[in-house]
Amino acid sequence: GTTFTIHLPASANTAKTEIESLNEIDLKIT
């Protein structure tokens, strides 16, 4: 077998805050 190992830089912030703020957008804005 084979094992690939990836290391990606992590962020100090959480993505949940951005997702929550996007869900609060009024999708009827024109």
mmCIF file of all heavy atoms, coordinates in Angstrom:
data_MODEL
# 
_entry.id   MODEL 
# 
loop_
_atom_site.group_PDB 
_atom_site.id 
_atom_site.type_symbol 
_atom_site.label_atom_id 
_atom_site.label_alt_id 
_atom_site.label_comp_id 
_atom_site.label_asym_id 
_atom_site.label_entity_id 
_atom_site.label_seq_id 
_atom_site.pdbx_PDB_ins_code 
_atom_site.Cartn_x 
_atom_site.Cartn_y 
_atom_site.Cartn_z 
_atom_site.occupancy 
_atom_site.B_iso_or_equiv 
_atom_site.pdbx_formal_charge 
_atom_site.auth_seq_id 
_atom_site.auth_comp_id 
_atom_site.auth_asym_id 
_atom_site.auth_atom_id 
_atom_site.pdbx_PDB_model_num 
ATOM 1   N N   . GLY A 1 1  ? 0.803   -1.217 0.000  1.00 0.00 ? 1  GLY A N   1 
ATOM 2   C CA  . GLY A 1 1  ? 0.000   0.000  0.000  1.00 0.00 ? 1  GLY A CA  1 
ATOM 3   C C   . GLY A 1 1  ? 0.836   1.268  0.000  1.00 0.00 ? 1  GLY A C   1 
ATOM 4   O O   . GLY A 1 1  ? 2.070   1.234  0.080  1.00 0.00 ? 1  GLY A O   1 
ATOM 5   N N   . THR A 1 2  ? 0.133   2.385  -0.082 1.00 0.00 ? 2  THR A N   1 
ATOM 6   C CA  . THR A 1 2  ? 0.776   3.701  -0.170 1.00 0.00 ? 2  THR A CA  1 
ATOM 7   C C   . THR A 1 2  ? 0.078   4.677  0.758  1.00 0.00 ? 2  THR A C   1 
ATOM 8   O O   . THR A 1 2  ? -1.149  4.638  0.904  1.00 0.00 ? 2  THR A O   1 
ATOM 9   C CB  . THR A 1 2  ? 0.701   4.241  -1.622 1.00 0.00 ? 2  THR A CB  1 
ATOM 10  O OG1 . THR A 1 2  ? 1.356   3.318  -2.489 1.00 0.00 ? 2  THR A OG1 1 
ATOM 11  C CG2 . THR A 1 2  ? 1.343   5.612  -1.734 1.00 0.00 ? 2  THR A CG2 1 
ATOM 12  N N   . THR A 1 3  ? 0.853   5.558  1.386  1.00 0.00 ? 3  THR A N   1 
ATOM 13  C CA  . THR A 1 3  ? 0.306   6.612  2.240  1.00 0.00 ? 3  THR A CA  1 
ATOM 14  C C   . THR A 1 3  ? 0.824   7.965  1.767  1.00 0.00 ? 3  THR A C   1 
ATOM 15  O O   . THR A 1 3  ? 2.032   8.190  1.700  1.00 0.00 ? 3  THR A O   1 
ATOM 16  C CB  . THR A 1 3  ? 0.705   6.416  3.714  1.00 0.00 ? 3  THR A CB  1 
ATOM 17  O OG1 . THR A 1 3  ? 0.144   5.194  4.193  1.00 0.00 ? 3  THR A OG1 1 
ATOM 18  C CG2 . THR A 1 3  ? 0.181   7.573  4.577  1.00 0.00 ? 3  THR A CG2 1 
ATOM 19  N N   . PHE A 1 4  ? -0.121  8.842  1.407  1.00 0.00 ? 4  PHE A N   1 
ATOM 20  C CA  . PHE A 1 4  ? 0.204   10.231 1.113  1.00 0.00 ? 4  PHE A CA  1 
ATOM 21  C C   . PHE A 1 4  ? -0.124  11.066 2.349  1.00 0.00 ? 4  PHE A C   1 
ATOM 22  O O   . PHE A 1 4  ? -1.215  10.921 2.926  1.00 0.00 ? 4  PHE A O   1 
ATOM 23  C CB  . PHE A 1 4  ? -0.607  10.744 -0.075 1.00 0.00 ? 4  PHE A CB  1 
ATOM 24  C CG  . PHE A 1 4  ? -0.110  10.261 -1.408 1.00 0.00 ? 4  PHE A CG  1 
ATOM 25  C CD1 . PHE A 1 4  ? -0.631  9.113  -1.983 1.00 0.00 ? 4  PHE A CD1 1 
ATOM 26  C CD2 . PHE A 1 4  ? 0.897   10.948 -2.083 1.00 0.00 ? 4  PHE A CD2 1 
ATOM 27  C CE1 . PHE A 1 4  ? -0.172  8.662  -3.212 1.00 0.00 ? 4  PHE A CE1 1 
ATOM 28  C CE2 . PHE A 1 4  ? 1.363   10.506 -3.308 1.00 0.00 ? 4  PHE A CE2 1 
ATOM 29  C CZ  . PHE A 1 4  ? 0.829   9.348  -3.874 1.00 0.00 ? 4  PHE A CZ  1 
ATOM 30  N N   . THR A 1 5  ? 0.806   11.922 2.742  1.00 0.00 ? 5  THR A N   1 
ATOM 31  C CA  . THR A 1 5  ? 0.608   12.788 3.905  1.00 0.00 ? 5  THR A CA  1 
ATOM 32  C C   . THR A 1 5  ? 0.692   14.249 3.459  1.00 0.00 ? 5  THR A C   1 
ATOM 33  O O   . THR A 1 5  ? 1.690   14.662 2.866  1.00 0.00 ? 5  THR A O   1 
ATOM 34  C CB  . THR A 1 5  ? 1.662   12.519 4.988  1.00 0.00 ? 5  THR A CB  1 
ATOM 35  O OG1 . THR A 1 5  ? 1.590   11.144 5.375  1.00 0.00 ? 5  THR A OG1 1 
ATOM 36  C CG2 . THR A 1 5  ? 1.400   13.388 6.216  1.00 0.00 ? 5  THR A CG2 1 
ATOM 37  N N   . ILE A 1 6  ? -0.359  14.993 3.756  1.00 0.00 ? 6  ILE A N   1 
ATOM 38  C CA  . ILE A 1 6  ? -0.451  16.415 3.390  1.00 0.00 ? 6  ILE A CA  1 
ATOM 39  C C   . ILE A 1 6  ? -0.477  17.250 4.657  1.00 0.00 ? 6  ILE A C   1 
ATOM 40  O O   . ILE A 1 6  ? -1.161  16.900 5.629  1.00 0.00 ? 6  ILE A O   1 
ATOM 41  C CB  . ILE A 1 6  ? -1.730  16.683 2.571  1.00 0.00 ? 6  ILE A CB  1 
ATOM 42  C CG1 . ILE A 1 6  ? -1.726  15.863 1.283  1.00 0.00 ? 6  ILE A CG1 1 
ATOM 43  C CG2 . ILE A 1 6  ? -1.889  18.176 2.269  1.00 0.00 ? 6  ILE A CG2 1 
ATOM 44  C CD1 . ILE A 1 6  ? -3.091  15.807 0.617  1.00 0.00 ? 6  ILE A CD1 1 
ATOM 45  N N   . HIS A 1 7  ? 0.257   18.339 4.668  1.00 0.00 ? 7  HIS A N   1 
ATOM 46  C CA  . HIS A 1 7  ? 0.179   19.323 5.748  1.00 0.00 ? 7  HIS A CA  1 
ATOM 47  C C   . HIS A 1 7  ? -0.261  20.656 5.153  1.00 0.00 ? 7  HIS A C   1 
ATOM 48  O O   . HIS A 1 7  ? 0.408   21.194 4.270  1.00 0.00 ? 7  HIS A O   1 
ATOM 49  C CB  . HIS A 1 7  ? 1.536   19.489 6.447  1.00 0.00 ? 7  HIS A CB  1 
ATOM 50  C CG  . HIS A 1 7  ? 1.901   18.342 7.319  1.00 0.00 ? 7  HIS A CG  1 
ATOM 51  N ND1 . HIS A 1 7  ? 2.590   17.233 6.851  1.00 0.00 ? 7  HIS A ND1 1 
ATOM 52  C CD2 . HIS A 1 7  ? 1.682   18.105 8.637  1.00 0.00 ? 7  HIS A CD2 1 
ATOM 53  C CE1 . HIS A 1 7  ? 2.773   16.382 7.842  1.00 0.00 ? 7  HIS A CE1 1 
ATOM 54  N NE2 . HIS A 1 7  ? 2.243   16.876 8.941  1.00 0.00 ? 7  HIS A NE2 1 
ATOM 55  N N   . LEU A 1 8  ? -1.399  21.181 5.615  1.00 0.00 ? 8  LEU A N   1 
ATOM 56  C CA  . LEU A 1 8  ? -1.903  22.478 5.160  1.00 0.00 ? 8  LEU A CA  1 
ATOM 57  C C   . LEU A 1 8  ? -1.900  23.471 6.319  1.00 0.00 ? 8  LEU A C   1 
ATOM 58  O O   . LEU A 1 8  ? -2.312  23.109 7.436  1.00 0.00 ? 8  LEU A O   1 
ATOM 59  C CB  . LEU A 1 8  ? -3.344  22.347 4.642  1.00 0.00 ? 8  LEU A CB  1 
ATOM 60  C CG  . LEU A 1 8  ? -3.555  21.692 3.275  1.00 0.00 ? 8  LEU A CG  1 
ATOM 61  C CD1 . LEU A 1 8  ? -5.051  21.584 2.992  1.00 0.00 ? 8  LEU A CD1 1 
ATOM 62  C CD2 . LEU A 1 8  ? -2.867  22.483 2.179  1.00 0.00 ? 8  LEU A CD2 1 
ATOM 63  N N   . PRO A 1 9  ? -1.456  24.702 6.096  1.00 0.00 ? 9  PRO A N   1 
ATOM 64  C CA  . PRO A 1 9  ? -1.484  25.698 7.173  1.00 0.00 ? 9  PRO A CA  1 
ATOM 65  C C   . PRO A 1 9  ? -2.913  25.925 7.659  1.00 0.00 ? 9  PRO A C   1 
ATOM 66  O O   . PRO A 1 9  ? -3.841  26.085 6.854  1.00 0.00 ? 9  PRO A O   1 
ATOM 67  C CB  . PRO A 1 9  ? -0.929  26.969 6.506  1.00 0.00 ? 9  PRO A CB  1 
ATOM 68  C CG  . PRO A 1 9  ? -0.166  26.487 5.325  1.00 0.00 ? 9  PRO A CG  1 
ATOM 69  C CD  . PRO A 1 9  ? -0.871  25.259 4.851  1.00 0.00 ? 9  PRO A CD  1 
ATOM 70  N N   . ALA A 1 10 ? -3.087  25.900 8.963  1.00 0.00 ? 10 ALA A N   1 
ATOM 71  C CA  . ALA A 1 10 ? -4.409  26.120 9.551  1.00 0.00 ? 10 ALA A CA  1 
ATOM 72  C C   . ALA A 1 10 ? -4.591  27.589 9.894  1.00 0.00 ? 10 ALA A C   1 
ATOM 73  O O   . ALA A 1 10 ? -3.627  28.336 10.047 1.00 0.00 ? 10 ALA A O   1 
ATOM 74  C CB  . ALA A 1 10 ? -4.573  25.260 10.800 1.00 0.00 ? 10 ALA A CB  1 
ATOM 75  N N   . SER A 1 11 ? -5.849  27.992 10.018 1.00 0.00 ? 11 SER A N   1 
ATOM 76  C CA  . SER A 1 11 ? -6.167  29.372 10.380 1.00 0.00 ? 11 SER A CA  1 
ATOM 77  C C   . SER A 1 11 ? -6.465  29.469 11.869 1.00 0.00 ? 11 SER A C   1 
ATOM 78  O O   . SER A 1 11 ? -6.933  28.510 12.490 1.00 0.00 ? 11 SER A O   1 
ATOM 79  C CB  . SER A 1 11 ? -7.374  29.865 9.577  1.00 0.00 ? 11 SER A CB  1 
ATOM 80  O OG  . SER A 1 11 ? -7.797  31.124 10.027 1.00 0.00 ? 11 SER A OG  1 
ATOM 81  N N   . ALA A 1 12 ? -6.193  30.634 12.425 1.00 0.00 ? 12 ALA A N   1 
ATOM 82  C CA  . ALA A 1 12 ? -6.531  30.878 13.833 1.00 0.00 ? 12 ALA A CA  1 
ATOM 83  C C   . ALA A 1 12 ? -8.019  31.152 13.988 1.00 0.00 ? 12 ALA A C   1 
ATOM 84  O O   . ALA A 1 12 ? -8.558  31.109 15.094 1.00 0.00 ? 12 ALA A O   1 
ATOM 85  C CB  . ALA A 1 12 ? -5.732  32.057 14.374 1.00 0.00 ? 12 ALA A CB  1 
ATOM 86  N N   . ASN A 1 13 ? -8.706  31.442 12.867 1.00 0.00 ? 13 ASN A N   1 
ATOM 87  C CA  . ASN A 1 13 ? -10.131 31.750 12.897 1.00 0.00 ? 13 ASN A CA  1 
ATOM 88  C C   . ASN A 1 13 ? -10.947 30.521 12.541 1.00 0.00 ? 13 ASN A C   1 
ATOM 89  O O   . ASN A 1 13 ? -10.423 29.530 12.033 1.00 0.00 ? 13 ASN A O   1 
ATOM 90  C CB  . ASN A 1 13 ? -10.452 32.880 11.912 1.00 0.00 ? 13 ASN A CB  1 
ATOM 91  C CG  . ASN A 1 13 ? -9.693  34.153 12.246 1.00 0.00 ? 13 ASN A CG  1 
ATOM 92  O OD1 . ASN A 1 13 ? -9.575  34.519 13.400 1.00 0.00 ? 13 ASN A OD1 1 
ATOM 93  N ND2 . ASN A 1 13 ? -9.154  34.803 11.221 1.00 0.00 ? 13 ASN A ND2 1 
ATOM 94  N N   . THR A 1 14 ? -12.248 30.596 12.783 1.00 0.00 ? 14 THR A N   1 
ATOM 95  C CA  . THR A 1 14 ? -13.142 29.513 12.443 1.00 0.00 ? 14 THR A CA  1 
ATOM 96  C C   . THR A 1 14 ? -14.019 29.912 11.274 1.00 0.00 ? 14 THR A C   1 
ATOM 97  O O   . THR A 1 14 ? -14.416 31.062 11.155 1.00 0.00 ? 14 THR A O   1 
ATOM 98  C CB  . THR A 1 14 ? -14.026 29.105 13.643 1.00 0.00 ? 14 THR A CB  1 
ATOM 99  O OG1 . THR A 1 14 ? -14.995 28.154 13.197 1.00 0.00 ? 14 THR A OG1 1 
ATOM 100 C CG2 . THR A 1 14 ? -14.744 30.303 14.225 1.00 0.00 ? 14 THR A CG2 1 
ATOM 101 N N   . ALA A 1 15 ? -14.318 28.946 10.409 1.00 0.00 ? 15 ALA A N   1 
ATOM 102 C CA  . ALA A 1 15 ? -15.138 29.228 9.236  1.00 0.00 ? 15 ALA A CA  1 
ATOM 103 C C   . ALA A 1 15 ? -16.607 29.372 9.597  1.00 0.00 ? 15 ALA A C   1 
ATOM 104 O O   . ALA A 1 15 ? -17.394 29.906 8.829  1.00 0.00 ? 15 ALA A O   1 
ATOM 105 C CB  . ALA A 1 15 ? -14.974 28.120 8.202  1.00 0.00 ? 15 ALA A CB  1 
ATOM 106 N N   . LYS A 1 16 ? -17.009 28.939 10.794 1.00 0.00 ? 16 LYS A N   1 
ATOM 107 C CA  . LYS A 1 16 ? -18.428 28.973 11.156 1.00 0.00 ? 16 LYS A CA  1 
ATOM 108 C C   . LYS A 1 16 ? -18.962 30.399 11.200 1.00 0.00 ? 16 LYS A C   1 
ATOM 109 O O   . LYS A 1 16 ? -20.100 30.658 10.851 1.00 0.00 ? 16 LYS A O   1 
ATOM 110 C CB  . LYS A 1 16 ? -18.634 28.288 12.514 1.00 0.00 ? 16 LYS A CB  1 
ATOM 111 C CG  . LYS A 1 16 ? -18.400 26.789 12.476 1.00 0.00 ? 16 LYS A CG  1 
ATOM 112 C CD  . LYS A 1 16 ? -18.650 26.155 13.822 1.00 0.00 ? 16 LYS A CD  1 
ATOM 113 C CE  . LYS A 1 16 ? -18.437 24.650 13.767 1.00 0.00 ? 16 LYS A CE  1 
ATOM 114 N NZ  . LYS A 1 16 ? -18.649 24.005 15.075 1.00 0.00 ? 16 LYS A NZ  1 
ATOM 115 N N   . THR A 1 17 ? -18.151 31.336 11.659 1.00 0.00 ? 17 THR A N   1 
ATOM 116 C CA  . THR A 1 17 ? -18.596 32.729 11.757 1.00 0.00 ? 17 THR A CA  1 
ATOM 117 C C   . THR A 1 17 ? -18.990 33.261 10.384 1.00 0.00 ? 17 THR A C   1 
ATOM 118 O O   . THR A 1 17 ? -20.016 33.903 10.219 1.00 0.00 ? 17 THR A O   1 
ATOM 119 C CB  . THR A 1 17 ? -17.481 33.605 12.343 1.00 0.00 ? 17 THR A CB  1 
ATOM 120 O OG1 . THR A 1 17 ? -17.067 33.040 13.586 1.00 0.00 ? 17 THR A OG1 1 
ATOM 121 C CG2 . THR A 1 17 ? -17.978 35.024 12.561 1.00 0.00 ? 17 THR A CG2 1 
ATOM 122 N N   . GLU A 1 18 ? -18.168 32.966 9.377  1.00 0.00 ? 18 GLU A N   1 
ATOM 123 C CA  . GLU A 1 18 ? -18.460 33.428 8.016  1.00 0.00 ? 18 GLU A CA  1 
ATOM 124 C C   . GLU A 1 18 ? -19.722 32.773 7.476  1.00 0.00 ? 18 GLU A C   1 
ATOM 125 O O   . GLU A 1 18 ? -20.550 33.412 6.836  1.00 0.00 ? 18 GLU A O   1 
ATOM 126 C CB  . GLU A 1 18 ? -17.272 33.108 7.112  1.00 0.00 ? 18 GLU A CB  1 
ATOM 127 C CG  . GLU A 1 18 ? -17.418 33.654 5.706  1.00 0.00 ? 18 GLU A CG  1 
ATOM 128 C CD  . GLU A 1 18 ? -16.161 33.462 4.880  1.00 0.00 ? 18 GLU A CD  1 
ATOM 129 O OE1 . GLU A 1 18 ? -15.066 33.551 5.454  1.00 0.00 ? 18 GLU A OE1 1 
ATOM 130 O OE2 . GLU A 1 18 ? -16.292 33.216 3.674  1.00 0.00 ? 18 GLU A OE2 1 
ATOM 131 N N   . ILE A 1 19 ? -19.909 31.468 7.749  1.00 0.00 ? 19 ILE A N   1 
ATOM 132 C CA  . ILE A 1 19 ? -21.097 30.764 7.286  1.00 0.00 ? 19 ILE A CA  1 
ATOM 133 C C   . ILE A 1 19 ? -22.352 31.326 7.934  1.00 0.00 ? 19 ILE A C   1 
ATOM 134 O O   . ILE A 1 19 ? -23.366 31.565 7.288  1.00 0.00 ? 19 ILE A O   1 
ATOM 135 C CB  . ILE A 1 19 ? -20.973 29.249 7.581  1.00 0.00 ? 19 ILE A CB  1 
ATOM 136 C CG1 . ILE A 1 19 ? -19.841 28.646 6.744  1.00 0.00 ? 19 ILE A CG1 1 
ATOM 137 C CG2 . ILE A 1 19 ? -22.284 28.527 7.301  1.00 0.00 ? 19 ILE A CG2 1 
ATOM 138 C CD1 . ILE A 1 19 ? -19.470 27.246 7.117  1.00 0.00 ? 19 ILE A CD1 1 
ATOM 139 N N   . GLU A 1 20 ? -22.288 31.583 9.242  1.00 0.00 ? 20 GLU A N   1 
ATOM 140 C CA  . GLU A 1 20 ? -23.446 32.114 9.942  1.00 0.00 ? 20 GLU A CA  1 
ATOM 141 C C   . GLU A 1 20 ? -23.829 33.486 9.425  1.00 0.00 ? 20 GLU A C   1 
ATOM 142 O O   . GLU A 1 20 ? -25.002 33.801 9.255  1.00 0.00 ? 20 GLU A O   1 
ATOM 143 C CB  . GLU A 1 20 ? -23.156 32.170 11.452 1.00 0.00 ? 20 GLU A CB  1 
ATOM 144 C CG  . GLU A 1 20 ? -23.137 30.781 12.100 1.00 0.00 ? 20 GLU A CG  1 
ATOM 145 C CD  . GLU A 1 20 ? -22.511 30.806 13.481 1.00 0.00 ? 20 GLU A CD  1 
ATOM 146 O OE1 . GLU A 1 20 ? -22.085 31.897 13.923 1.00 0.00 ? 20 GLU A OE1 1 
ATOM 147 O OE2 . GLU A 1 20 ? -22.434 29.733 14.105 1.00 0.00 ? 20 GLU A OE2 1 
ATOM 148 N N   . SER A 1 21 ? -22.842 34.339 9.155  1.00 0.00 ? 21 SER A N   1 
ATOM 149 C CA  . SER A 1 21 ? -23.143 35.681 8.669  1.00 0.00 ? 21 SER A CA  1 
ATOM 150 C C   . SER A 1 21 ? -23.761 35.619 7.282  1.00 0.00 ? 21 SER A C   1 
ATOM 151 O O   . SER A 1 21 ? -24.627 36.413 6.931  1.00 0.00 ? 21 SER A O   1 
ATOM 152 C CB  . SER A 1 21 ? -21.878 36.536 8.642  1.00 0.00 ? 21 SER A CB  1 
ATOM 153 O OG  . SER A 1 21 ? -20.945 36.022 7.724  1.00 0.00 ? 21 SER A OG  1 
ATOM 154 N N   . LEU A 1 22 ? -23.344 34.626 6.462  1.00 0.00 ? 22 LEU A N   1 
ATOM 155 C CA  . LEU A 1 22 ? -23.907 34.484 5.131  1.00 0.00 ? 22 LEU A CA  1 
ATOM 156 C C   . LEU A 1 22 ? -25.361 34.036 5.202  1.00 0.00 ? 22 LEU A C   1 
ATOM 157 O O   . LEU A 1 22 ? -26.196 34.480 4.421  1.00 0.00 ? 22 LEU A O   1 
ATOM 158 C CB  . LEU A 1 22 ? -23.086 33.467 4.331  1.00 0.00 ? 22 LEU A CB  1 
ATOM 159 C CG  . LEU A 1 22 ? -23.467 33.258 2.867  1.00 0.00 ? 22 LEU A CG  1 
ATOM 160 C CD1 . LEU A 1 22 ? -23.358 34.571 2.094  1.00 0.00 ? 22 LEU A CD1 1 
ATOM 161 C CD2 . LEU A 1 22 ? -22.617 32.190 2.222  1.00 0.00 ? 22 LEU A CD2 1 
ATOM 162 N N   . ASN A 1 23 ? -25.674 33.176 6.167  1.00 0.00 ? 23 ASN A N   1 
ATOM 163 C CA  . ASN A 1 23 ? -27.050 32.710 6.316  1.00 0.00 ? 23 ASN A CA  1 
ATOM 164 C C   . ASN A 1 23 ? -28.002 33.811 6.741  1.00 0.00 ? 23 ASN A C   1 
ATOM 165 O O   . ASN A 1 23 ? -29.211 33.710 6.564  1.00 0.00 ? 23 ASN A O   1 
ATOM 166 C CB  . ASN A 1 23 ? -27.110 31.566 7.343  1.00 0.00 ? 23 ASN A CB  1 
ATOM 167 C CG  . ASN A 1 23 ? -26.457 30.295 6.814  1.00 0.00 ? 23 ASN A CG  1 
ATOM 168 O OD1 . ASN A 1 23 ? -26.328 30.123 5.608  1.00 0.00 ? 23 ASN A OD1 1 
ATOM 169 N ND2 . ASN A 1 23 ? -26.032 29.434 7.708  1.00 0.00 ? 23 ASN A ND2 1 
ATOM 170 N N   . GLU A 1 24 ? -27.459 34.882 7.340  1.00 0.00 ? 24 GLU A N   1 
ATOM 171 C CA  . GLU A 1 24 ? -28.307 35.977 7.794  1.00 0.00 ? 24 GLU A CA  1 
ATOM 172 C C   . GLU A 1 24 ? -28.668 36.946 6.677  1.00 0.00 ? 24 GLU A C   1 
ATOM 173 O O   . GLU A 1 24 ? -29.489 37.836 6.838  1.00 0.00 ? 24 GLU A O   1 
ATOM 174 C CB  . GLU A 1 24 ? -27.578 36.753 8.910  1.00 0.00 ? 24 GLU A CB  1 
ATOM 175 C CG  . GLU A 1 24 ? -27.405 35.945 10.199 1.00 0.00 ? 24 GLU A CG  1 
ATOM 176 C CD  . GLU A 1 24 ? -26.490 36.642 11.180 1.00 0.00 ? 24 GLU A CD  1 
ATOM 177 O OE1 . GLU A 1 24 ? -26.026 37.754 10.865 1.00 0.00 ? 24 GLU A OE1 1 
ATOM 178 O OE2 . GLU A 1 24 ? -26.250 36.087 12.256 1.00 0.00 ? 24 GLU A OE2 1 
ATOM 179 N N   . ILE A 1 25 ? -28.063 36.788 5.493  1.00 0.00 ? 25 ILE A N   1 
ATOM 180 C CA  . ILE A 1 25 ? -28.311 37.708 4.389  1.00 0.00 ? 25 ILE A CA  1 
ATOM 181 C C   . ILE A 1 25 ? -29.736 37.550 3.872  1.00 0.00 ? 25 ILE A C   1 
ATOM 182 O O   . ILE A 1 25 ? -30.230 36.442 3.704  1.00 0.00 ? 25 ILE A O   1 
ATOM 183 C CB  . ILE A 1 25 ? -27.312 37.454 3.242  1.00 0.00 ? 25 ILE A CB  1 
ATOM 184 C CG1 . ILE A 1 25 ? -25.902 37.820 3.694  1.00 0.00 ? 25 ILE A CG1 1 
ATOM 185 C CG2 . ILE A 1 25 ? -27.682 38.230 1.988  1.00 0.00 ? 25 ILE A CG2 1 
ATOM 186 C CD1 . ILE A 1 25 ? -24.840 37.465 2.686  1.00 0.00 ? 25 ILE A CD1 1 
ATOM 187 N N   . ASP A 1 26 ? -30.394 38.665 3.629  1.00 0.00 ? 26 ASP A N   1 
ATOM 188 C CA  . ASP A 1 26 ? -31.718 38.661 3.022  1.00 0.00 ? 26 ASP A CA  1 
ATOM 189 C C   . ASP A 1 26 ? -31.553 38.336 1.544  1.00 0.00 ? 26 ASP A C   1 
ATOM 190 O O   . ASP A 1 26 ? -31.051 39.134 0.764  1.00 0.00 ? 26 ASP A O   1 
ATOM 191 C CB  . ASP A 1 26 ? -32.378 40.038 3.200  1.00 0.00 ? 26 ASP A CB  1 
ATOM 192 C CG  . ASP A 1 26 ? -33.780 40.080 2.614  1.00 0.00 ? 26 ASP A CG  1 
ATOM 193 O OD1 . ASP A 1 26 ? -34.204 39.057 2.030  1.00 0.00 ? 26 ASP A OD1 1 
ATOM 194 O OD2 . ASP A 1 26 ? -34.434 41.129 2.739  1.00 0.00 ? 26 ASP A OD2 1 
ATOM 195 N N   . LEU A 1 27 ? -32.004 37.143 1.124  1.00 0.00 ? 27 LEU A N   1 
ATOM 196 C CA  . LEU A 1 27 ? -31.794 36.705 -0.239 1.00 0.00 ? 27 LEU A CA  1 
ATOM 197 C C   . LEU A 1 27 ? -32.757 37.359 -1.227 1.00 0.00 ? 27 LEU A C   1 
ATOM 198 O O   . LEU A 1 27 ? -32.822 36.970 -2.379 1.00 0.00 ? 27 LEU A O   1 
ATOM 199 C CB  . LEU A 1 27 ? -31.913 35.176 -0.314 1.00 0.00 ? 27 LEU A CB  1 
ATOM 200 C CG  . LEU A 1 27 ? -30.845 34.406 0.464  1.00 0.00 ? 27 LEU A CG  1 
ATOM 201 C CD1 . LEU A 1 27 ? -31.065 32.913 0.316  1.00 0.00 ? 27 LEU A CD1 1 
ATOM 202 C CD2 . LEU A 1 27 ? -29.448 34.782 -0.017 1.00 0.00 ? 27 LEU A CD2 1 
ATOM 203 N N   . LYS A 1 28 ? -33.541 38.353 -0.781 1.00 0.00 ? 28 LYS A N   1 
ATOM 204 C CA  . LYS A 1 28 ? -34.464 39.036 -1.681 1.00 0.00 ? 28 LYS A CA  1 
ATOM 205 C C   . LYS A 1 28 ? -33.967 40.428 -2.063 1.00 0.00 ? 28 LYS A C   1 
ATOM 206 O O   . LYS A 1 28 ? -34.692 41.203 -2.676 1.00 0.00 ? 28 LYS A O   1 
ATOM 207 C CB  . LYS A 1 28 ? -35.847 39.125 -1.035 1.00 0.00 ? 28 LYS A CB  1 
ATOM 208 C CG  . LYS A 1 28 ? -36.516 37.757 -0.837 1.00 0.00 ? 28 LYS A CG  1 
ATOM 209 C CD  . LYS A 1 28 ? -37.895 37.892 -0.221 1.00 0.00 ? 28 LYS A CD  1 
ATOM 210 C CE  . LYS A 1 28 ? -38.524 36.514 -0.030 1.00 0.00 ? 28 LYS A CE  1 
ATOM 211 N NZ  . LYS A 1 28 ? -39.878 36.615 0.602  1.00 0.00 ? 28 LYS A NZ  1 
ATOM 212 N N   . ILE A 1 29 ? -32.742 40.752 -1.694 1.00 0.00 ? 29 ILE A N   1 
ATOM 213 C CA  . ILE A 1 29 ? -32.189 42.057 -2.049 1.00 0.00 ? 29 ILE A CA  1 
ATOM 214 C C   . ILE A 1 29 ? -32.006 42.119 -3.563 1.00 0.00 ? 29 ILE A C   1 
ATOM 215 O O   . ILE A 1 29 ? -31.461 41.201 -4.169 1.00 0.00 ? 29 ILE A O   1 
ATOM 216 C CB  . ILE A 1 29 ? -30.831 42.291 -1.356 1.00 0.00 ? 29 ILE A CB  1 
ATOM 217 C CG1 . ILE A 1 29 ? -31.009 42.320 0.159  1.00 0.00 ? 29 ILE A CG1 1 
ATOM 218 C CG2 . ILE A 1 29 ? -30.184 43.585 -1.837 1.00 0.00 ? 29 ILE A CG2 1 
ATOM 219 C CD1 . ILE A 1 29 ? -29.707 42.397 0.915  1.00 0.00 ? 29 ILE A CD1 1 
ATOM 220 N N   . THR A 1 30 ? -32.493 43.192 -4.186 1.00 0.00 ? 30 THR A N   1 
ATOM 221 C CA  . THR A 1 30 ? -32.298 43.383 -5.610 1.00 0.00 ? 30 THR A CA  1 
ATOM 222 C C   . THR A 1 30 ? -31.626 44.722 -5.853 1.00 0.00 ? 30 THR A C   1 
ATOM 223 O O   . THR A 1 30 ? -31.663 45.611 -4.997 1.00 0.00 ? 30 THR A O   1 
ATOM 224 C CB  . THR A 1 30 ? -33.636 43.331 -6.370 1.00 0.00 ? 30 THR A CB  1 
ATOM 225 O OG1 . THR A 1 30 ? -34.516 44.324 -5.841 1.00 0.00 ? 30 THR A OG1 1 
ATOM 226 C CG2 . THR A 1 30 ? -34.277 41.956 -6.248 1.00 0.00 ? 30 THR A CG2 1 
# 
